[in-house]
Structures are given as structure tokens and as C-alpha cells.
Amino acid sequence: MRRETDKGAETKQRIKSAAADLFHKQGVGATSPDEIIEESGTGKGQFYHYFKNKERLVHEVLLSYLEDIETGRAPVHYEISSWADLEKWFTDQVQLQKAFNMTRGCPFGTIGNGVTERDELIRIDLTRIFDTVKNKIAAFFIREKAQGRLNSVADEMRLAEFCIAAAQGAMFMGKIRRNADVAEASMREALAHLKEYVTPATPSGGAATSAKSAT
């Protein structure tokens, strides 16, 4: 019984892995169950036994992405405790694209690009993923502000959402241009903008007013 259970888990994971790769490559709408079955080397009966339908499979693929982000297994570094970590978060996105010769964007961003008004479950799953990422980035900005290293007018949540939007846009342009330089330059500009909120230390150990101050 144990061997049979292990075999079933392996089959289910093969289907999920094949689906995740195809969704990342060509989006959900352009990927059929038959393609996933062929790519995973499984059968139609196995597909529908484990997932019932494609929507359920997309749901489980997105939950796997969320789990990888929360546990630190994702190829992108999401634990941010310094500006160097934030820079690495930006550059990791481009490194992921480079691994696919700039032919793909963000894995869950690609799924999001195909969401329609009928895809409520997928939209909710994507919202959970982006909220998790946003909260991890915002936590860094909150700590920086608490230490007096971030301008008091900075909105930590909005800055975190800006990071996500900037990264997604940069990856999109990198994919369209098939050029890593475009994505890297955009992300450098985003990081430079964020650093304008930094409050530089004064010689006496206090904080000077940053360029992004209240008017």
C-alpha cells in the first residue's frame, strides 16, 4: 500500500511539474490537458483522477509556488533584510529569465496575464502569492523606517507594491525585447528610485531629510 501511495504521489507531482513548465512557457489558456498528459508521460485517467479539471491543476500549481516562496525553496530570494537583499530580489528575476534565454517572464505573472473574469479561483490564488511577496518586502521597509533609515512619509506597502509592479514590467519588456539589458536597466532604475526614500545619516549620528520628503 505504501509503495502504491508513493507511486501515486510521484505521478501527481509529474503532472504538476509538467503543467507548471507549460504554463510558464505558453500560459494557461494555450495549454491543454492533452499537452500536459503527453509532457508528463501519464494517462488521461491519472490526470482526471488527481485533478478533476485544468482549473484545479492551475490552483495546485499556484499553491506550490506559494509554498516555495514561504519556505525559501523558490529560485528567487524573498527573504529581505537589507538593501543588498532587495537588489538580489530584483536581479534574481532576471537570472530566472536568462535561464530561459529571455523567452519567459515570471512564472505566476505569466499565469496572471491570462486571467479572465471567469477565473476567480486563479485570481484569488495569485492575489495570495503577490500579497505574500508584498508583505515580505514591506516588512523590510517597515524595519528601515523604524530604525530611522527611511523617510517618514514613505508608505511601506505602496513601495512594496511598486517593487512588484516594476519587476513584473521589467520582465515583460525583457521577454518582448529578448534582451536582459532592458530588464536589468529597468530594475536598476526602480532600485535607484526606492533609495531616494533613504534618510542619510548626519555626522552627529542623526538623520538628514531625504530627497523624498513631504512638500
N, C-alpha and C. Protein backbone atom coordinates (compact mmCIF):
# COMPACT_ATOMS: atom_id res chain seq x y z
N MET A 1 0.84 -1.21 0.00
CA MET A 1 0.00 0.00 0.00
C MET A 1 0.86 1.25 0.00
N ARG A 2 1.97 1.22 0.79
CA ARG A 2 2.85 2.38 0.87
C ARG A 2 3.48 2.66 -0.50
N ARG A 3 3.93 1.55 -1.17
CA ARG A 3 4.56 1.72 -2.47
C ARG A 3 3.57 2.32 -3.47
N GLU A 4 2.31 1.87 -3.39
CA GLU A 4 1.28 2.37 -4.28
C GLU A 4 1.02 3.86 -4.02
N THR A 5 1.02 4.25 -2.74
CA THR A 5 0.81 5.65 -2.37
C THR A 5 1.96 6.52 -2.88
N ASP A 6 3.18 6.04 -2.71
CA ASP A 6 4.36 6.78 -3.17
C ASP A 6 4.33 6.94 -4.69
N LYS A 7 3.91 5.89 -5.37
CA LYS A 7 3.83 5.96 -6.82
C LYS A 7 2.78 6.97 -7.27
N GLY A 8 1.66 7.00 -6.56
CA GLY A 8 0.61 7.96 -6.88
C GLY A 8 1.08 9.38 -6.67
N ALA A 9 1.81 9.63 -5.57
CA ALA A 9 2.33 10.96 -5.27
C ALA A 9 3.33 11.40 -6.34
N GLU A 10 4.14 10.43 -6.81
CA GLU A 10 5.13 10.73 -7.84
C GLU A 10 4.43 11.08 -9.16
N THR A 11 3.38 10.34 -9.48
CA THR A 11 2.62 10.62 -10.71
C THR A 11 1.98 11.99 -10.65
N LYS A 12 1.37 12.30 -9.52
CA LYS A 12 0.72 13.60 -9.35
C LYS A 12 1.74 14.73 -9.48
N GLN A 13 2.94 14.53 -8.90
CA GLN A 13 3.96 15.57 -8.97
C GLN A 13 4.47 15.73 -10.40
N ARG A 14 4.56 14.65 -11.15
CA ARG A 14 5.00 14.74 -12.54
C ARG A 14 4.02 15.57 -13.36
N ILE A 15 2.74 15.37 -13.10
CA ILE A 15 1.72 16.14 -13.82
C ILE A 15 1.83 17.62 -13.45
N LYS A 16 1.99 17.92 -12.15
CA LYS A 16 2.11 19.31 -11.70
C LYS A 16 3.35 19.98 -12.28
N SER A 17 4.47 19.25 -12.28
CA SER A 17 5.72 19.83 -12.79
C SER A 17 5.62 20.11 -14.29
N ALA A 18 5.04 19.18 -15.03
CA ALA A 18 4.88 19.38 -16.47
C ALA A 18 3.95 20.55 -16.74
N ALA A 19 2.86 20.63 -15.97
CA ALA A 19 1.91 21.73 -16.14
C ALA A 19 2.56 23.07 -15.82
N ALA A 20 3.31 23.13 -14.72
CA ALA A 20 3.96 24.38 -14.33
C ALA A 20 4.90 24.86 -15.43
N ASP A 21 5.66 23.94 -16.01
CA ASP A 21 6.59 24.33 -17.07
C ASP A 21 5.84 24.83 -18.31
N LEU A 22 4.76 24.14 -18.69
CA LEU A 22 3.99 24.56 -19.85
C LEU A 22 3.27 25.88 -19.60
N PHE A 23 2.72 26.06 -18.40
CA PHE A 23 2.05 27.33 -18.07
C PHE A 23 3.06 28.47 -18.14
N HIS A 24 4.28 28.22 -17.65
CA HIS A 24 5.32 29.24 -17.67
C HIS A 24 5.75 29.55 -19.10
N LYS A 25 5.79 28.52 -19.92
CA LYS A 25 6.25 28.67 -21.30
C LYS A 25 5.23 29.36 -22.20
N GLN A 26 3.95 28.98 -22.06
CA GLN A 26 2.96 29.46 -23.02
C GLN A 26 1.66 29.95 -22.43
N GLY A 27 1.56 29.97 -21.10
CA GLY A 27 0.35 30.44 -20.45
C GLY A 27 -0.67 29.34 -20.27
N VAL A 28 -1.65 29.59 -19.42
CA VAL A 28 -2.66 28.59 -19.10
C VAL A 28 -3.60 28.36 -20.27
N GLY A 29 -4.06 29.45 -20.88
CA GLY A 29 -5.04 29.34 -21.95
C GLY A 29 -4.56 28.54 -23.14
N ALA A 30 -3.26 28.61 -23.44
CA ALA A 30 -2.70 27.92 -24.60
C ALA A 30 -2.27 26.49 -24.29
N THR A 31 -2.48 26.06 -23.05
CA THR A 31 -2.05 24.72 -22.64
C THR A 31 -3.26 23.83 -22.42
N SER A 32 -3.31 22.74 -23.12
CA SER A 32 -4.43 21.81 -23.00
C SER A 32 -4.09 20.65 -22.06
N PRO A 33 -5.10 20.02 -21.47
CA PRO A 33 -4.84 18.83 -20.66
C PRO A 33 -4.06 17.76 -21.44
N ASP A 34 -4.36 17.60 -22.71
CA ASP A 34 -3.66 16.59 -23.52
C ASP A 34 -2.17 16.89 -23.61
N GLU A 35 -1.81 18.18 -23.72
CA GLU A 35 -0.38 18.54 -23.75
C GLU A 35 0.29 18.19 -22.43
N ILE A 36 -0.39 18.47 -21.34
CA ILE A 36 0.16 18.18 -20.01
C ILE A 36 0.33 16.68 -19.83
N ILE A 37 -0.66 15.92 -20.27
CA ILE A 37 -0.60 14.46 -20.16
C ILE A 37 0.57 13.92 -20.96
N GLU A 38 0.74 14.43 -22.18
CA GLU A 38 1.85 13.97 -23.02
C GLU A 38 3.19 14.36 -22.43
N GLU A 39 3.30 15.61 -21.97
CA GLU A 39 4.57 16.11 -21.41
C GLU A 39 4.96 15.36 -20.15
N SER A 40 3.98 14.97 -19.34
CA SER A 40 4.26 14.29 -18.06
C SER A 40 4.40 12.78 -18.21
N GLY A 41 4.05 12.27 -19.40
CA GLY A 41 4.15 10.83 -19.61
C GLY A 41 3.15 10.05 -18.78
N THR A 42 1.99 10.63 -18.55
CA THR A 42 0.95 9.97 -17.75
C THR A 42 -0.26 9.69 -18.64
N GLY A 43 -1.34 9.23 -18.03
CA GLY A 43 -2.55 8.92 -18.78
C GLY A 43 -3.69 9.86 -18.45
N LYS A 44 -4.67 9.89 -19.32
CA LYS A 44 -5.82 10.76 -19.12
C LYS A 44 -6.56 10.41 -17.84
N GLY A 45 -6.65 9.11 -17.54
CA GLY A 45 -7.31 8.68 -16.32
C GLY A 45 -6.59 9.19 -15.08
N GLN A 46 -5.27 9.18 -15.13
CA GLN A 46 -4.49 9.68 -13.99
C GLN A 46 -4.68 11.18 -13.81
N PHE A 47 -4.67 11.89 -14.94
CA PHE A 47 -4.86 13.35 -14.88
C PHE A 47 -6.16 13.70 -14.17
N TYR A 48 -7.25 13.12 -14.62
CA TYR A 48 -8.56 13.47 -14.06
C TYR A 48 -8.80 12.84 -12.69
N HIS A 49 -8.06 11.79 -12.37
CA HIS A 49 -8.15 11.22 -11.02
C HIS A 49 -7.57 12.17 -9.99
N TYR A 50 -6.43 12.78 -10.32
CA TYR A 50 -5.74 13.64 -9.35
C TYR A 50 -6.22 15.08 -9.37
N PHE A 51 -6.70 15.56 -10.49
CA PHE A 51 -7.02 16.99 -10.59
C PHE A 51 -8.43 17.33 -11.05
N LYS A 52 -9.20 16.39 -11.52
CA LYS A 52 -10.59 16.62 -11.92
C LYS A 52 -10.73 17.49 -13.17
N ASN A 53 -10.02 18.64 -13.19
CA ASN A 53 -10.06 19.53 -14.34
C ASN A 53 -8.82 20.42 -14.35
N LYS A 54 -8.64 21.18 -15.42
CA LYS A 54 -7.45 22.02 -15.55
C LYS A 54 -7.43 23.13 -14.51
N GLU A 55 -8.59 23.69 -14.18
CA GLU A 55 -8.63 24.76 -13.19
C GLU A 55 -8.07 24.28 -11.85
N ARG A 56 -8.43 23.06 -11.48
CA ARG A 56 -7.92 22.51 -10.21
C ARG A 56 -6.40 22.34 -10.28
N LEU A 57 -5.90 21.94 -11.44
CA LEU A 57 -4.45 21.79 -11.60
C LEU A 57 -3.75 23.13 -11.49
N VAL A 58 -4.30 24.16 -12.13
CA VAL A 58 -3.71 25.51 -12.02
C VAL A 58 -3.68 25.94 -10.56
N HIS A 59 -4.76 25.68 -9.84
CA HIS A 59 -4.85 26.01 -8.42
C HIS A 59 -3.70 25.35 -7.64
N GLU A 60 -3.46 24.08 -7.90
CA GLU A 60 -2.42 23.36 -7.15
C GLU A 60 -1.02 23.81 -7.55
N VAL A 61 -0.83 24.16 -8.81
CA VAL A 61 0.46 24.70 -9.24
C VAL A 61 0.75 26.02 -8.53
N LEU A 62 -0.26 26.87 -8.43
CA LEU A 62 -0.08 28.16 -7.74
C LEU A 62 0.16 27.97 -6.25
N LEU A 63 -0.51 27.00 -5.65
CA LEU A 63 -0.25 26.71 -4.23
C LEU A 63 1.18 26.24 -4.02
N SER A 64 1.71 25.50 -5.00
CA SER A 64 3.11 25.06 -4.90
C SER A 64 4.06 26.25 -4.98
N TYR A 65 3.75 27.21 -5.86
CA TYR A 65 4.57 28.43 -5.92
C TYR A 65 4.53 29.16 -4.58
N LEU A 66 3.35 29.27 -4.00
CA LEU A 66 3.20 29.96 -2.72
C LEU A 66 4.00 29.26 -1.64
N GLU A 67 3.92 27.94 -1.60
CA GLU A 67 4.68 27.18 -0.60
C GLU A 67 6.18 27.37 -0.78
N ASP A 68 6.65 27.38 -2.02
CA ASP A 68 8.08 27.59 -2.27
C ASP A 68 8.54 28.96 -1.80
N ILE A 69 7.70 29.98 -2.00
CA ILE A 69 8.04 31.33 -1.53
C ILE A 69 8.11 31.36 -0.01
N GLU A 70 7.14 30.74 0.63
CA GLU A 70 7.07 30.78 2.10
C GLU A 70 8.18 29.96 2.76
N THR A 71 8.65 28.91 2.08
CA THR A 71 9.67 28.04 2.68
C THR A 71 11.08 28.33 2.19
N GLY A 72 11.22 29.29 1.26
CA GLY A 72 12.55 29.64 0.78
C GLY A 72 13.09 28.71 -0.30
N ARG A 73 12.23 27.88 -0.90
CA ARG A 73 12.68 26.97 -1.95
C ARG A 73 12.58 27.57 -3.35
N ALA A 74 12.01 28.75 -3.46
CA ALA A 74 11.83 29.38 -4.78
C ALA A 74 13.17 29.82 -5.34
N PRO A 75 13.31 29.86 -6.67
CA PRO A 75 14.57 30.30 -7.28
C PRO A 75 14.86 31.78 -7.05
N VAL A 76 13.85 32.54 -6.68
CA VAL A 76 14.02 33.96 -6.36
C VAL A 76 14.11 34.11 -4.84
N HIS A 77 15.02 34.96 -4.39
CA HIS A 77 15.26 35.18 -2.96
C HIS A 77 14.22 36.18 -2.41
N TYR A 78 13.36 35.71 -1.50
CA TYR A 78 12.28 36.57 -1.00
C TYR A 78 12.49 37.06 0.44
N GLU A 79 13.50 36.55 1.12
CA GLU A 79 13.76 36.98 2.50
C GLU A 79 14.66 38.21 2.46
N ILE A 80 14.11 39.37 2.73
CA ILE A 80 14.83 40.62 2.53
C ILE A 80 15.08 41.32 3.86
N SER A 81 16.34 41.45 4.19
CA SER A 81 16.70 42.11 5.45
C SER A 81 17.69 43.25 5.23
N SER A 82 18.03 43.54 3.98
CA SER A 82 18.97 44.62 3.68
C SER A 82 18.72 45.11 2.26
N TRP A 83 19.32 46.25 1.92
CA TRP A 83 19.21 46.76 0.55
C TRP A 83 19.89 45.81 -0.42
N ALA A 84 20.94 45.13 0.04
CA ALA A 84 21.61 44.15 -0.81
C ALA A 84 20.66 42.99 -1.13
N ASP A 85 19.86 42.59 -0.13
CA ASP A 85 18.88 41.53 -0.37
C ASP A 85 17.80 41.98 -1.35
N LEU A 86 17.39 43.25 -1.23
CA LEU A 86 16.38 43.76 -2.15
C LEU A 86 16.94 43.81 -3.57
N GLU A 87 18.19 44.22 -3.70
CA GLU A 87 18.81 44.22 -5.03
C GLU A 87 18.89 42.81 -5.59
N LYS A 88 19.21 41.85 -4.71
CA LYS A 88 19.27 40.44 -5.15
C LYS A 88 17.89 39.97 -5.59
N TRP A 89 16.84 40.41 -4.89
CA TRP A 89 15.48 40.03 -5.27
C TRP A 89 15.20 40.50 -6.71
N PHE A 90 15.61 41.71 -7.03
CA PHE A 90 15.43 42.23 -8.39
C PHE A 90 16.26 41.43 -9.40
N THR A 91 17.54 41.23 -9.09
CA THR A 91 18.42 40.56 -10.06
C THR A 91 18.07 39.09 -10.23
N ASP A 92 17.54 38.46 -9.19
CA ASP A 92 17.14 37.05 -9.30
C ASP A 92 16.09 36.86 -10.39
N GLN A 93 15.21 37.86 -10.54
CA GLN A 93 14.16 37.77 -11.56
C GLN A 93 14.78 37.67 -12.96
N VAL A 94 15.79 38.48 -13.19
CA VAL A 94 16.44 38.48 -14.50
C VAL A 94 17.23 37.18 -14.71
N GLN A 95 17.87 36.70 -13.64
CA GLN A 95 18.61 35.45 -13.75
C GLN A 95 17.69 34.31 -14.14
N LEU A 96 16.47 34.33 -13.60
CA LEU A 96 15.49 33.31 -13.95
C LEU A 96 15.14 33.41 -15.44
N GLN A 97 14.96 34.64 -15.92
CA GLN A 97 14.68 34.82 -17.35
C GLN A 97 15.85 34.36 -18.22
N LYS A 98 17.05 34.68 -17.78
CA LYS A 98 18.23 34.29 -18.55
C LYS A 98 18.32 32.79 -18.71
N ALA A 99 17.86 32.06 -17.70
CA ALA A 99 17.89 30.59 -17.76
C ALA A 99 17.03 30.07 -18.90
N PHE A 100 16.07 30.89 -19.35
CA PHE A 100 15.20 30.52 -20.47
C PHE A 100 15.46 31.42 -21.69
N ASN A 101 16.67 31.97 -21.75
CA ASN A 101 17.07 32.82 -22.89
C ASN A 101 16.11 33.98 -23.12
N MET A 102 15.58 34.51 -22.04
CA MET A 102 14.68 35.67 -22.07
C MET A 102 13.39 35.40 -22.85
N THR A 103 13.00 34.13 -22.96
CA THR A 103 11.77 33.80 -23.68
C THR A 103 10.57 33.70 -22.75
N ARG A 104 10.80 33.79 -21.44
CA ARG A 104 9.70 33.66 -20.48
C ARG A 104 9.74 34.81 -19.49
N GLY A 105 8.59 35.05 -18.85
CA GLY A 105 8.51 36.07 -17.81
C GLY A 105 8.46 35.41 -16.44
N CYS A 106 7.80 36.05 -15.50
CA CYS A 106 7.61 35.49 -14.16
C CYS A 106 6.65 34.30 -14.27
N PRO A 107 6.93 33.18 -13.61
CA PRO A 107 6.05 32.01 -13.72
C PRO A 107 4.61 32.29 -13.36
N PHE A 108 4.38 32.92 -12.19
CA PHE A 108 2.99 33.19 -11.83
C PHE A 108 2.48 34.47 -12.47
N GLY A 109 3.38 35.35 -12.88
CA GLY A 109 2.96 36.52 -13.63
C GLY A 109 2.41 36.12 -14.99
N THR A 110 3.04 35.10 -15.60
CA THR A 110 2.56 34.61 -16.89
C THR A 110 1.16 34.04 -16.77
N ILE A 111 0.92 33.31 -15.69
CA ILE A 111 -0.43 32.78 -15.44
C ILE A 111 -1.40 33.94 -15.26
N GLY A 112 -0.97 34.95 -14.52
CA GLY A 112 -1.83 36.11 -14.28
C GLY A 112 -2.21 36.85 -15.53
N ASN A 113 -1.32 36.88 -16.51
CA ASN A 113 -1.61 37.59 -17.76
C ASN A 113 -2.81 37.02 -18.50
N GLY A 114 -3.12 35.75 -18.23
CA GLY A 114 -4.23 35.12 -18.93
C GLY A 114 -5.52 35.05 -18.14
N VAL A 115 -5.53 35.65 -16.96
CA VAL A 115 -6.73 35.57 -16.11
C VAL A 115 -7.89 36.35 -16.74
N THR A 116 -9.06 35.73 -16.76
CA THR A 116 -10.27 36.39 -17.25
C THR A 116 -11.25 36.55 -16.09
N GLU A 117 -12.37 37.17 -16.37
CA GLU A 117 -13.37 37.39 -15.32
C GLU A 117 -13.96 36.07 -14.81
N ARG A 118 -13.78 34.99 -15.54
CA ARG A 118 -14.30 33.69 -15.11
C ARG A 118 -13.33 32.94 -14.20
N ASP A 119 -12.10 33.43 -14.11
CA ASP A 119 -11.05 32.70 -13.39
C ASP A 119 -10.89 33.21 -11.96
N GLU A 120 -11.95 33.19 -11.20
CA GLU A 120 -11.92 33.78 -9.86
C GLU A 120 -10.99 33.03 -8.92
N LEU A 121 -11.00 31.69 -8.97
CA LEU A 121 -10.13 30.92 -8.09
C LEU A 121 -8.66 31.22 -8.39
N ILE A 122 -8.31 31.29 -9.66
CA ILE A 122 -6.93 31.59 -10.05
C ILE A 122 -6.56 33.01 -9.60
N ARG A 123 -7.48 33.95 -9.77
CA ARG A 123 -7.21 35.33 -9.35
C ARG A 123 -6.96 35.40 -7.85
N ILE A 124 -7.75 34.65 -7.07
CA ILE A 124 -7.57 34.64 -5.62
C ILE A 124 -6.21 34.04 -5.25
N ASP A 125 -5.85 32.95 -5.91
CA ASP A 125 -4.55 32.33 -5.64
C ASP A 125 -3.41 33.29 -5.96
N LEU A 126 -3.50 33.96 -7.09
CA LEU A 126 -2.45 34.92 -7.47
C LEU A 126 -2.39 36.08 -6.49
N THR A 127 -3.54 36.52 -6.01
CA THR A 127 -3.57 37.59 -5.02
C THR A 127 -2.84 37.16 -3.75
N ARG A 128 -3.04 35.92 -3.34
CA ARG A 128 -2.33 35.40 -2.16
C ARG A 128 -0.83 35.40 -2.37
N ILE A 129 -0.40 35.00 -3.56
CA ILE A 129 1.03 34.98 -3.86
C ILE A 129 1.61 36.39 -3.82
N PHE A 130 0.97 37.31 -4.54
CA PHE A 130 1.51 38.67 -4.59
C PHE A 130 1.42 39.36 -3.23
N ASP A 131 0.39 39.06 -2.45
CA ASP A 131 0.30 39.62 -1.10
C ASP A 131 1.42 39.10 -0.21
N THR A 132 1.76 37.82 -0.36
CA THR A 132 2.86 37.25 0.42
C THR A 132 4.17 37.93 0.08
N VAL A 133 4.41 38.11 -1.22
CA VAL A 133 5.63 38.79 -1.66
C VAL A 133 5.63 40.23 -1.16
N LYS A 134 4.49 40.91 -1.32
CA LYS A 134 4.39 42.30 -0.88
C LYS A 134 4.69 42.43 0.61
N ASN A 135 4.15 41.54 1.42
CA ASN A 135 4.35 41.62 2.86
C ASN A 135 5.81 41.39 3.24
N LYS A 136 6.48 40.49 2.53
CA LYS A 136 7.90 40.24 2.82
C LYS A 136 8.74 41.48 2.51
N ILE A 137 8.45 42.13 1.37
CA ILE A 137 9.20 43.33 1.01
C ILE A 137 8.84 44.49 1.95
N ALA A 138 7.54 44.64 2.23
CA ALA A 138 7.10 45.73 3.11
C ALA A 138 7.71 45.60 4.49
N ALA A 139 7.89 44.37 4.97
CA ALA A 139 8.49 44.16 6.30
C ALA A 139 9.88 44.77 6.37
N PHE A 140 10.62 44.68 5.27
CA PHE A 140 11.94 45.30 5.22
C PHE A 140 11.83 46.81 5.32
N PHE A 141 10.93 47.41 4.55
CA PHE A 141 10.76 48.87 4.60
C PHE A 141 10.28 49.32 5.98
N ILE A 142 9.42 48.54 6.60
CA ILE A 142 8.94 48.88 7.95
C ILE A 142 10.09 48.90 8.95
N ARG A 143 10.97 47.91 8.84
CA ARG A 143 12.13 47.87 9.75
C ARG A 143 13.07 49.05 9.49
N GLU A 144 13.26 49.38 8.21
CA GLU A 144 14.12 50.51 7.88
C GLU A 144 13.56 51.82 8.44
N LYS A 145 12.25 51.99 8.32
CA LYS A 145 11.64 53.21 8.85
C LYS A 145 11.75 53.25 10.38
N ALA A 146 11.55 52.10 11.02
CA ALA A 146 11.63 52.05 12.49
C ALA A 146 13.03 52.42 12.98
N GLN A 147 14.04 52.12 12.16
CA GLN A 147 15.42 52.44 12.52
C GLN A 147 15.82 53.86 12.09
N GLY A 148 14.86 54.59 11.51
CA GLY A 148 15.15 55.96 11.08
C GLY A 148 15.92 56.05 9.79
N ARG A 149 15.95 54.94 9.04
CA ARG A 149 16.73 54.93 7.80
C ARG A 149 15.86 55.13 6.56
N LEU A 150 14.56 55.33 6.78
CA LEU A 150 13.64 55.54 5.67
C LEU A 150 12.79 56.76 5.99
N ASN A 151 12.59 57.60 4.99
CA ASN A 151 11.83 58.82 5.21
C ASN A 151 10.47 58.52 5.82
N SER A 152 10.04 59.35 6.74
CA SER A 152 8.80 59.11 7.47
C SER A 152 7.55 59.16 6.60
N VAL A 153 7.64 59.82 5.44
CA VAL A 153 6.46 59.91 4.55
C VAL A 153 6.34 58.70 3.63
N ALA A 154 7.34 57.84 3.65
CA ALA A 154 7.30 56.66 2.79
C ALA A 154 6.18 55.73 3.23
N ASP A 155 5.41 55.24 2.27
CA ASP A 155 4.34 54.27 2.53
C ASP A 155 4.91 52.90 2.20
N GLU A 156 5.17 52.11 3.24
CA GLU A 156 5.87 50.84 3.06
C GLU A 156 5.13 49.87 2.12
N MET A 157 3.82 49.80 2.26
CA MET A 157 3.05 48.89 1.42
C MET A 157 3.06 49.33 -0.04
N ARG A 158 2.95 50.64 -0.26
CA ARG A 158 2.99 51.13 -1.64
C ARG A 158 4.36 50.92 -2.27
N LEU A 159 5.41 51.10 -1.48
CA LEU A 159 6.75 50.85 -2.00
C LEU A 159 6.91 49.38 -2.37
N ALA A 160 6.37 48.49 -1.54
CA ALA A 160 6.46 47.06 -1.83
C ALA A 160 5.70 46.71 -3.11
N GLU A 161 4.51 47.31 -3.27
CA GLU A 161 3.74 47.05 -4.48
C GLU A 161 4.45 47.62 -5.72
N PHE A 162 5.12 48.76 -5.53
CA PHE A 162 5.91 49.33 -6.62
C PHE A 162 7.02 48.36 -7.03
N CYS A 163 7.67 47.73 -6.07
CA CYS A 163 8.73 46.75 -6.37
C CYS A 163 8.19 45.64 -7.25
N ILE A 164 7.03 45.11 -6.88
CA ILE A 164 6.43 44.01 -7.65
C ILE A 164 6.06 44.47 -9.06
N ALA A 165 5.40 45.63 -9.14
CA ALA A 165 4.99 46.15 -10.44
C ALA A 165 6.21 46.43 -11.33
N ALA A 166 7.25 46.99 -10.74
CA ALA A 166 8.46 47.31 -11.50
C ALA A 166 9.12 46.04 -12.02
N ALA A 167 9.21 45.02 -11.16
CA ALA A 167 9.83 43.76 -11.56
C ALA A 167 9.02 43.07 -12.66
N GLN A 168 7.70 43.05 -12.49
CA GLN A 168 6.85 42.41 -13.49
C GLN A 168 6.96 43.14 -14.84
N GLY A 169 6.94 44.46 -14.80
CA GLY A 169 7.07 45.23 -16.04
C GLY A 169 8.42 45.04 -16.70
N ALA A 170 9.47 45.01 -15.89
CA ALA A 170 10.81 44.82 -16.43
C ALA A 170 10.96 43.46 -17.09
N MET A 171 10.39 42.43 -16.45
CA MET A 171 10.47 41.09 -17.03
C MET A 171 9.66 41.00 -18.32
N PHE A 172 8.52 41.69 -18.33
CA PHE A 172 7.70 41.69 -19.54
C PHE A 172 8.47 42.31 -20.71
N MET A 173 9.11 43.45 -20.45
CA MET A 173 9.86 44.11 -21.52
C MET A 173 11.08 43.28 -21.92
N GLY A 174 11.71 42.63 -20.95
CA GLY A 174 12.85 41.77 -21.27
C GLY A 174 12.44 40.62 -22.16
N LYS A 175 11.26 40.07 -21.88
CA LYS A 175 10.74 38.97 -22.71
C LYS A 175 10.41 39.45 -24.12
N ILE A 176 9.74 40.59 -24.22
CA ILE A 176 9.37 41.13 -25.52
C ILE A 176 10.60 41.47 -26.35
N ARG A 177 11.58 42.09 -25.70
CA ARG A 177 12.80 42.50 -26.41
C ARG A 177 13.79 41.36 -26.58
N ARG A 178 13.59 40.27 -25.81
CA ARG A 178 14.56 39.17 -25.77
C ARG A 178 15.94 39.71 -25.39
N ASN A 179 15.93 40.60 -24.40
CA ASN A 179 17.15 41.30 -24.05
C ASN A 179 17.22 41.50 -22.54
N ALA A 180 18.22 40.90 -21.91
CA ALA A 180 18.38 41.03 -20.46
C ALA A 180 18.74 42.45 -20.05
N ASP A 181 19.43 43.18 -20.93
CA ASP A 181 19.85 44.54 -20.59
C ASP A 181 18.64 45.43 -20.31
N VAL A 182 17.57 45.25 -21.07
CA VAL A 182 16.36 46.05 -20.87
C VAL A 182 15.79 45.80 -19.48
N ALA A 183 15.67 44.53 -19.11
CA ALA A 183 15.11 44.18 -17.80
C ALA A 183 16.03 44.67 -16.68
N GLU A 184 17.32 44.46 -16.82
CA GLU A 184 18.27 44.86 -15.78
C GLU A 184 18.28 46.37 -15.58
N ALA A 185 18.25 47.13 -16.68
CA ALA A 185 18.26 48.59 -16.59
C ALA A 185 17.00 49.09 -15.89
N SER A 186 15.86 48.50 -16.21
CA SER A 186 14.60 48.90 -15.59
C SER A 186 14.62 48.63 -14.09
N MET A 187 15.17 47.50 -13.71
CA MET A 187 15.22 47.16 -12.29
C MET A 187 16.21 48.03 -11.54
N ARG A 188 17.30 48.41 -12.19
CA ARG A 188 18.25 49.34 -11.55
C ARG A 188 17.59 50.69 -11.32
N GLU A 189 16.81 51.14 -12.29
CA GLU A 189 16.12 52.42 -12.14
C GLU A 189 15.11 52.35 -10.99
N ALA A 190 14.41 51.22 -10.89
CA ALA A 190 13.45 51.04 -9.80
C ALA A 190 14.15 51.09 -8.45
N LEU A 191 15.29 50.42 -8.34
CA LEU A 191 16.04 50.41 -7.09
C LEU A 191 16.57 51.80 -6.76
N ALA A 192 17.02 52.52 -7.77
CA ALA A 192 17.50 53.89 -7.54
C ALA A 192 16.37 54.78 -7.04
N HIS A 193 15.18 54.62 -7.60
CA HIS A 193 14.02 55.39 -7.14
C HIS A 193 13.72 55.07 -5.69
N LEU A 194 13.74 53.80 -5.32
CA LEU A 194 13.45 53.40 -3.94
C LEU A 194 14.47 54.00 -2.97
N LYS A 195 15.72 54.06 -3.38
CA LYS A 195 16.77 54.56 -2.49
C LYS A 195 16.66 56.06 -2.26
N GLU A 196 15.85 56.75 -3.06
CA GLU A 196 15.63 58.17 -2.80
C GLU A 196 14.85 58.38 -1.51
N TYR A 197 14.23 57.33 -1.03
CA TYR A 197 13.50 57.42 0.25
C TYR A 197 14.41 57.19 1.45
N VAL A 198 15.65 56.79 1.20
CA VAL A 198 16.58 56.55 2.29
C VAL A 198 16.93 57.86 2.98
N THR A 199 16.95 57.85 4.30
CA THR A 199 17.33 59.01 5.07
C THR A 199 18.80 58.88 5.44
N PRO A 200 19.69 59.68 4.84
CA PRO A 200 21.12 59.54 5.12
C PRO A 200 21.44 59.99 6.54
N ALA A 201 22.42 59.34 7.13
CA ALA A 201 22.84 59.69 8.49
C ALA A 201 23.62 60.99 8.46
N THR A 202 23.44 61.82 9.49
CA THR A 202 24.20 63.06 9.62
C THR A 202 25.49 62.77 10.39
N PRO A 203 26.47 63.66 10.32
CA PRO A 203 27.73 63.44 11.06
C PRO A 203 27.51 63.21 12.54
N SER A 204 26.46 63.79 13.12
CA SER A 204 26.22 63.64 14.55
C SER A 204 25.50 62.35 14.89
N GLY A 205 25.20 61.56 13.85
CA GLY A 205 24.52 60.29 14.11
C GLY A 205 23.03 60.35 13.92
N GLY A 206 22.50 61.57 13.63
CA GLY A 206 21.07 61.71 13.41
C GLY A 206 20.72 61.40 11.98
N ALA A 207 19.57 61.84 11.54
CA ALA A 207 19.14 61.58 10.17
C ALA A 207 18.83 62.88 9.47
N ALA A 208 19.31 63.00 8.24
CA ALA A 208 19.02 64.17 7.43
C ALA A 208 17.76 63.92 6.64
N THR A 209 17.18 64.97 6.10
CA THR A 209 15.97 64.82 5.31
C THR A 209 16.33 64.29 3.93
N SER A 210 15.60 63.24 3.48
CA SER A 210 15.90 62.65 2.17
C SER A 210 15.25 63.46 1.06
N ALA A 211 15.57 63.08 -0.17
CA ALA A 211 15.01 63.79 -1.31
C ALA A 211 13.49 63.61 -1.39
N LYS A 212 12.99 62.43 -0.93
CA LYS A 212 11.55 62.16 -0.95
C LYS A 212 10.94 62.62 0.36
N SER A 213 10.81 63.91 0.55
CA SER A 213 10.24 64.46 1.77
C SER A 213 8.87 65.07 1.48
N ALA A 214 8.15 65.34 2.53
CA ALA A 214 6.81 65.92 2.36
C ALA A 214 6.93 67.34 1.83
N THR A 215 5.99 67.71 1.00
CA THR A 215 6.02 69.07 0.45
C THR A 215 4.90 69.86 1.06
